[in-house]
Protein backbone atom coordinates (compact mmCIF):
# COMPACT_ATOMS: atom_id res chain seq x y z
CA MET A 1 -8.41 -62.28 17.62
CA GLN A 2 -10.32 -65.43 16.89
CA ASN A 3 -7.60 -68.09 16.64
CA ILE A 4 -5.12 -67.00 19.28
CA PHE A 5 -1.70 -68.58 19.02
CA ILE A 6 1.01 -68.56 21.68
CA GLY A 7 4.10 -70.70 21.17
CA LYS A 8 7.86 -70.98 21.63
CA GLY A 9 10.01 -71.98 18.71
CA ASN A 10 13.27 -71.61 16.80
CA LEU A 11 13.78 -69.56 13.65
CA GLY A 12 14.66 -71.73 10.65
CA GLN A 13 16.06 -68.69 8.85
CA SER A 14 16.69 -65.00 9.56
CA PRO A 15 13.61 -62.81 8.99
CA ASP A 16 13.02 -61.42 5.50
CA LEU A 17 11.93 -57.74 5.57
CA ARG A 18 9.81 -56.47 2.65
CA VAL A 19 7.84 -53.33 1.85
CA ILE A 20 4.33 -54.03 0.54
CA ALA A 21 1.93 -51.57 -1.07
CA GLY A 22 -1.42 -51.50 0.70
CA ALA A 23 -4.69 -49.59 0.42
CA ASN A 24 -3.53 -47.14 3.12
CA GLY A 25 0.03 -46.79 1.80
CA ASP A 26 3.18 -48.84 2.01
CA PHE A 27 3.92 -50.97 5.06
CA GLU A 28 6.73 -53.26 6.18
CA VAL A 29 6.38 -56.95 6.88
CA ALA A 30 8.95 -59.38 8.27
CA SER A 31 8.42 -63.03 7.29
CA MET A 32 10.11 -66.00 8.94
CA ARG A 33 9.68 -69.76 9.32
CA ILE A 34 9.61 -71.04 12.88
CA MET A 35 9.72 -74.61 14.18
CA PHE A 36 7.44 -75.07 17.18
CA GLY A 37 8.68 -78.29 18.77
CA ARG A 38 6.90 -80.59 21.18
CA TYR A 39 8.97 -82.03 24.02
CA ALA A 40 8.55 -84.85 26.51
CA ARG A 41 10.66 -86.58 29.10
CA ASN A 42 12.15 -89.92 28.02
CA LYS A 43 10.87 -92.52 30.52
CA THR A 44 14.06 -94.60 30.48
CA THR A 45 16.77 -91.91 30.49
CA GLY A 46 14.86 -89.02 32.10
CA ASP A 47 16.14 -86.63 29.40
CA VAL A 48 13.85 -84.13 27.71
CA GLU A 49 13.57 -84.93 23.99
CA GLN A 50 11.75 -83.49 21.01
CA VAL A 51 8.84 -85.78 20.12
CA GLY A 52 7.24 -83.80 17.33
CA GLY A 53 6.34 -80.32 16.27
CA PHE A 54 5.37 -78.25 13.28
CA TRP A 55 6.66 -75.45 11.05
CA ARG A 56 4.72 -72.23 10.55
CA GLU A 57 5.22 -69.15 8.42
CA VAL A 58 5.09 -66.15 10.77
CA GLU A 59 4.58 -62.50 9.73
CA ILE A 60 4.80 -59.32 11.79
CA TYR A 61 4.20 -55.75 10.63
CA GLY A 62 5.40 -52.15 11.11
CA GLN A 63 8.11 -51.13 13.58
CA LYS A 64 8.08 -54.61 15.10
CA ALA A 65 8.90 -56.01 11.64
CA ARG A 66 11.93 -53.71 11.39
CA ASP A 67 13.05 -54.70 14.89
CA ALA A 68 12.61 -58.43 14.18
CA ALA A 69 14.66 -58.17 10.97
CA ARG A 70 17.38 -56.24 12.78
CA LEU A 71 17.64 -58.36 15.95
CA LEU A 72 16.59 -61.95 15.17
CA ARG A 73 18.78 -64.52 13.43
CA LYS A 74 18.49 -68.13 12.31
CA GLY A 75 18.30 -70.34 15.41
CA SER A 76 16.90 -67.62 17.69
CA ARG A 77 14.51 -68.95 20.32
CA VAL A 78 11.35 -66.82 20.32
CA LEU A 79 7.93 -66.59 21.91
CA VAL A 80 5.24 -65.73 19.38
CA TYR A 81 1.88 -64.20 20.27
CA GLY A 82 -0.59 -63.74 17.45
CA GLU A 83 -3.40 -65.19 15.39
CA GLU A 84 -3.54 -68.22 13.09
CA ARG A 85 -5.03 -67.36 9.70
CA ASP A 86 -5.84 -69.45 6.63
CA PHE A 87 -4.56 -68.32 3.25
CA THR A 88 -4.85 -69.79 -0.22
CA ALA A 89 -1.68 -70.19 -2.31
CA LYS A 90 -0.75 -71.88 -5.58
CA ASP A 91 1.51 -74.93 -5.51
CA ALA A 92 4.55 -74.09 -7.66
CA ALA A 93 4.86 -77.66 -8.98
CA THR A 94 1.22 -78.45 -9.81
CA GLY A 95 -0.44 -75.03 -9.98
CA ALA A 96 -3.20 -76.30 -7.69
CA GLU A 97 -4.56 -74.08 -4.94
CA VAL A 98 -3.56 -75.18 -1.44
CA GLN A 99 -4.56 -73.98 1.99
CA VAL A 100 -1.74 -72.44 4.05
CA ILE A 101 -1.90 -71.62 7.76
CA LYS A 102 0.18 -68.59 8.77
CA ILE A 103 0.61 -66.85 12.07
CA VAL A 104 0.13 -63.09 11.98
CA ALA A 105 2.10 -62.05 15.06
CA GLU A 106 1.09 -59.23 17.33
CA ASP A 107 4.42 -59.59 19.16
CA ILE A 108 7.57 -61.70 19.06
CA ALA A 109 9.77 -61.91 22.16
CA LEU A 110 13.37 -63.10 22.10
CA GLN A 111 13.93 -65.87 24.65
CA LEU A 112 17.17 -65.57 26.61
CA SER A 113 18.26 -69.22 26.33
CA ARG A 114 20.65 -68.50 23.42
CA VAL A 115 21.57 -64.86 24.07
CA LYS A 116 25.29 -64.27 24.67
CA SER A 117 25.17 -60.54 25.45
CA ILE A 118 22.86 -57.55 25.37
CA GLU A 119 23.83 -54.02 24.41
CA PHE A 120 21.48 -51.15 25.21
CA GLU A 121 21.16 -47.91 23.27
CA THR A 122 21.68 -44.68 25.18
CA ALA A 123 18.47 -43.24 26.58
CA ARG A 124 16.61 -40.81 24.38
CA ARG A 125 16.36 -37.23 25.59
CA GLN A 126 13.26 -36.84 27.71
CA ALA A 127 10.68 -34.31 26.58
CA PRO A 128 10.18 -31.34 28.94
CA GLU A 129 7.11 -31.47 31.14
CA PRO A 130 4.16 -29.37 29.89
CA GLU A 131 3.53 -25.98 31.55
CA GLY A 132 1.59 -26.17 34.80
CA GLU A 133 2.44 -29.83 35.46
CA GLN A 134 5.88 -29.41 37.03
CA GLU A 135 6.37 -31.02 40.39
CA MET A 136 5.59 -28.64 43.24
CA LEU A 137 8.25 -28.52 45.92
CA PRO A 138 7.23 -27.63 49.49
CA ALA A 139 8.29 -24.21 50.75
CA PRO A 140 11.29 -24.26 53.13
């Protein structure tokens, strides 16, 4: 990665999951807009306040895209690890080409600050150990 990005932010909308045709077959991508706020302590009140920030379009691919679409909702607080990339798009109003900066995420982690409960799936059946690699027990 050349332009590494690590940031915490809030989803402005629930992720949108799409299937896109690629050179190596179809793949899934989840797209979402995230507000990465900047915070500082107010000198007079001592409270922490938002003093700026920026919106970014974030994309994640494959199984992580399916998981993001299934688990994340508008307002979710997330930690994004990925790469900033420049793209060219057409402005819908003027038709002019504009530069867009997106984050292609390697991983997105849900932050626990807004989680009310967690429910775990039952454990998957473990695969049997290969022949010859079973644990040896000492003789009595």
